[in-house]
Protein backbone atom coordinates (compact mmCIF):
# COMPACT_ATOMS: atom_id res chain seq x y z
CA MET A 1 63.71 47.92 84.81
CA LEU A 2 62.83 45.92 82.41
CA GLN A 3 66.17 45.48 80.09
CA SER A 4 66.04 43.38 76.79
CA THR A 5 67.54 43.31 73.49
CA GLN A 6 65.50 40.91 71.56
CA PRO A 7 61.77 41.60 71.16
CA PRO A 8 59.44 39.44 73.37
CA LYS A 9 58.01 36.55 71.58
CA PRO A 10 54.87 35.06 72.48
CA ASN A 11 54.39 31.39 73.66
CA ARG A 12 52.43 28.73 72.78
CA HIS A 13 48.98 30.37 74.95
CA VAL A 14 49.35 33.54 73.27
CA ALA A 15 49.89 31.88 69.60
CA ALA A 16 47.20 29.77 70.47
CA ARG A 17 44.54 33.09 70.90
CA ILE A 18 45.87 34.49 67.97
CA GLU A 19 45.08 31.84 65.68
CA GLU A 20 41.81 31.73 67.38
CA LEU A 21 41.05 35.26 67.19
CA LEU A 22 42.20 35.09 63.13
CA ARG A 23 40.00 32.37 62.52
CA GLU A 24 36.94 34.15 63.86
CA GLN A 25 37.75 36.99 62.17
CA LEU A 26 38.20 35.47 58.70
CA SER A 27 34.90 33.83 60.00
CA GLU A 28 33.17 37.15 60.05
CA ARG A 29 34.19 37.67 56.97
CA GLY A 30 32.74 35.12 54.94
CA VAL A 31 35.65 32.82 54.71
CA ALA A 32 35.34 29.19 54.74
CA VAL A 33 38.20 28.54 57.48
CA SER A 34 37.99 24.85 57.07
CA GLU A 35 37.94 24.59 53.82
CA LEU A 36 41.24 26.84 53.24
CA SER A 37 44.21 25.35 52.26
CA PRO A 38 47.64 26.03 53.42
CA ALA A 39 48.56 27.22 50.25
CA ASP A 40 44.85 29.62 50.52
CA ILE A 41 45.89 30.69 53.84
CA ALA A 42 49.91 31.31 52.68
CA THR A 43 48.41 33.63 49.71
CA GLY A 44 45.94 36.29 51.72
CA MET A 45 47.61 35.58 55.24
CA GLN A 46 50.28 38.42 56.00
CA CYS A 47 51.68 39.26 59.15
CA ALA A 48 53.68 42.10 59.50
CA LEU A 49 56.23 42.16 62.38
CA SER A 50 57.32 45.75 64.17
CA PRO A 51 60.62 45.59 65.73
CA ASP A 52 59.07 46.31 69.36
CA GLY A 53 57.16 43.01 68.64
CA SER A 54 53.73 44.21 67.75
CA MET A 55 52.68 42.33 64.74
CA THR A 56 49.56 43.17 62.26
CA TYR A 57 47.86 40.43 60.52
CA TYR A 58 46.28 40.70 56.88
CA TRP A 59 43.92 38.82 55.17
CA GLN A 60 44.13 39.66 51.66
CA GLY A 61 45.28 43.02 52.35
CA ALA A 62 42.99 44.23 55.28
CA PRO A 63 43.87 44.38 58.61
CA ILE A 64 42.70 42.39 60.78
CA LEU A 65 44.41 41.39 63.93
CA TYR A 66 47.14 43.76 65.91
CA VAL A 67 48.83 41.97 68.57
CA THR A 68 50.82 44.16 71.03
CA PRO A 69 53.28 43.09 73.76
CA GLU A 70 53.87 45.09 76.67
CA PRO A 71 56.48 44.08 78.61
CA ARG A 72 55.84 45.05 82.34
CA GLU A 73 57.92 44.28 85.96
CA ILE A 74 55.84 43.55 88.94
CA ASP A 75 57.78 42.18 92.33
CA GLY A 76 61.05 41.95 89.99
CA GLU A 77 59.30 39.65 88.41
CA SER A 78 59.49 40.41 84.36
CA SER A 79 56.89 39.27 81.87
CA VAL A 80 54.52 40.19 78.42
CA LEU A 81 51.57 41.05 79.11
CA TRP A 82 49.98 40.62 75.06
CA ARG A 83 47.05 43.14 73.98
CA MET A 84 45.03 41.83 71.15
CA PHE A 85 42.58 44.19 68.40
CA THR A 86 40.49 43.18 65.89
CA LYS A 87 40.11 46.07 63.18
CA ASP A 88 36.65 46.13 65.08
CA ASP A 89 38.03 47.19 68.11
CA LEU A 90 39.70 49.88 66.85
CA GLU A 91 37.22 51.15 64.84
CA ASP A 92 35.18 51.15 67.74
CA SER A 93 37.83 52.78 69.77
CA HIS A 94 38.65 55.58 67.01
CA ASN A 95 34.44 56.46 67.17
CA GLU A 96 34.46 56.64 71.26
CA ASN A 97 36.94 58.88 70.66
CA GLN A 98 34.79 61.41 68.31
């Protein structure tokens, strides 16, 4: 059984994938990502961190990416599977369930 007092934190590979998805989401919204200054990003991007370690990224107040850790244990080894959902993924899932 997994026991941890701290929520899991993404490693550098997960962080790189998050960055890639954020760039894709901004590009799809017509944002010229390569032209954004650090100040623009700091002003427009917010990340809400939940107690379980999940993160919701917002661009100018609109949610664009959800990242959820799934701690698991396989053959006595603990690991974390990181699931990432864009706004479109969640909308597609919602529409399928109606």
